[in-house]
Each structure stands twice: as structure tokens, then as C-alpha cells.
Amino acid sequence: MTSLPGRSDQGGSTPERRVLVCAHCGIPADGAPPTTWTCSVENGIRQYFCDTCSRENLRAIEGRLDSAWW
């Protein structure tokens, strides 16, 4: 089996830790992935919203309006 250039066959790489950012206001999540944030899939893209943005736009979220309408 052949490897792509710059990669090894060992598979020993560690997964990158991504920082979640609120899709509405841009505030980053502190540390571990927050359990209180709202997750929404819009046009096939997963987006996360912080507590504050979720509370402020609760009616729009329940009405299934895309975040572009907020």
C-alpha cells in the first residue's frame, strides 16, 4: 500500500481539537464542547449558537427560520 506524500502508513496522528464558535455572535466556547449551546443544521451545514443568542432568538429557532432571518 502506498501513502500520500507527507503522510505515513502508521495512522498515529492525533485528531485536531476544534474550538466551537457561535455562528451568530462569534464568541468562542470555553474549553470542552458546551452542552448548553444550540446545534442547528442549515442547508446541510452544522452550526452552533451560544446560550445568549439561542435565548434571544428562541421564537425564530422554534419557528425553524434560518439564522439569516434573525
Protein backbone atom coordinates (compact mmCIF):
# COMPACT_ATOMS: atom_id res chain seq x y z
CA MET A 1 0.00 0.00 0.00
CA THR A 2 1.27 3.48 -0.81
CA SER A 3 0.92 6.62 1.27
CA LEU A 4 0.12 10.08 0.07
CA PRO A 5 3.14 12.39 0.05
CA GLY A 6 3.91 13.71 3.52
CA ARG A 7 1.84 11.06 5.29
CA SER A 8 2.83 7.80 6.90
CA ASP A 9 1.00 4.48 6.92
CA GLN A 10 1.13 4.37 10.71
CA GLY A 11 -2.02 6.42 11.29
CA GLY A 12 -0.61 7.71 14.56
CA SER A 13 -1.80 11.26 14.12
CA THR A 14 -3.95 12.73 16.84
CA PRO A 15 -7.24 14.34 15.89
CA GLU A 16 -7.25 18.15 15.84
CA ARG A 17 -9.22 19.80 18.60
CA ARG A 18 -11.57 22.34 17.06
CA VAL A 19 -12.83 25.33 19.01
CA LEU A 20 -16.55 25.88 18.62
CA VAL A 21 -17.59 29.42 17.76
CA CYS A 22 -21.13 30.82 17.89
CA ALA A 23 -22.39 31.16 14.32
CA HIS A 24 -24.32 34.31 15.24
CA CYS A 25 -22.09 36.43 17.50
CA GLY A 26 -18.70 34.71 17.05
CA ILE A 27 -17.96 34.09 20.74
CA PRO A 28 -15.72 31.01 21.21
CA ALA A 29 -16.72 28.17 23.54
CA ASP A 30 -14.71 27.82 26.73
CA GLY A 31 -12.75 24.56 26.85
CA ALA A 32 -14.77 21.41 26.28
CA PRO A 33 -17.68 21.41 23.83
CA PRO A 34 -20.57 23.15 25.60
CA THR A 35 -23.63 21.07 26.41
CA THR A 36 -25.90 24.09 26.68
CA TRP A 37 -25.34 25.51 23.20
CA THR A 38 -27.93 25.00 20.45
CA CYS A 39 -26.99 22.99 17.38
CA SER A 40 -28.76 23.68 14.09
CA VAL A 41 -28.31 22.14 10.63
CA GLU A 42 -28.99 24.72 7.93
CA ASN A 43 -28.50 23.84 4.26
CA GLY A 44 -26.55 20.76 5.31
CA ILE A 45 -24.12 22.73 7.49
CA ARG A 46 -23.99 22.18 11.25
CA GLN A 47 -23.97 25.46 13.18
CA TYR A 48 -23.73 26.11 16.91
CA PHE A 49 -25.27 29.04 18.81
CA CYS A 50 -24.30 30.21 22.31
CA ASP A 51 -26.76 30.42 25.20
CA THR A 52 -27.33 34.15 24.79
CA CYS A 53 -28.03 34.04 21.05
CA SER A 54 -30.24 30.98 21.50
CA ARG A 55 -32.33 32.71 24.18
CA GLU A 56 -32.62 35.96 22.22
CA ASN A 57 -33.80 34.15 19.08
CA LEU A 58 -35.86 31.36 20.64
CA ARG A 59 -39.04 32.14 18.68
CA ALA A 60 -37.17 32.17 15.38
CA ILE A 61 -35.48 28.86 16.25
CA GLU A 62 -38.80 27.25 17.21
CA GLY A 63 -40.34 28.63 14.01
CA ARG A 64 -37.50 26.93 12.09
CA LEU A 65 -36.33 30.17 10.50
CA ASP A 66 -32.76 30.06 9.15
CA SER A 67 -30.32 32.14 11.18
CA ALA A 68 -30.02 34.53 8.21
CA TRP A 69 -33.51 35.80 9.17
CA TRP A 70 -32.53 36.63 12.75
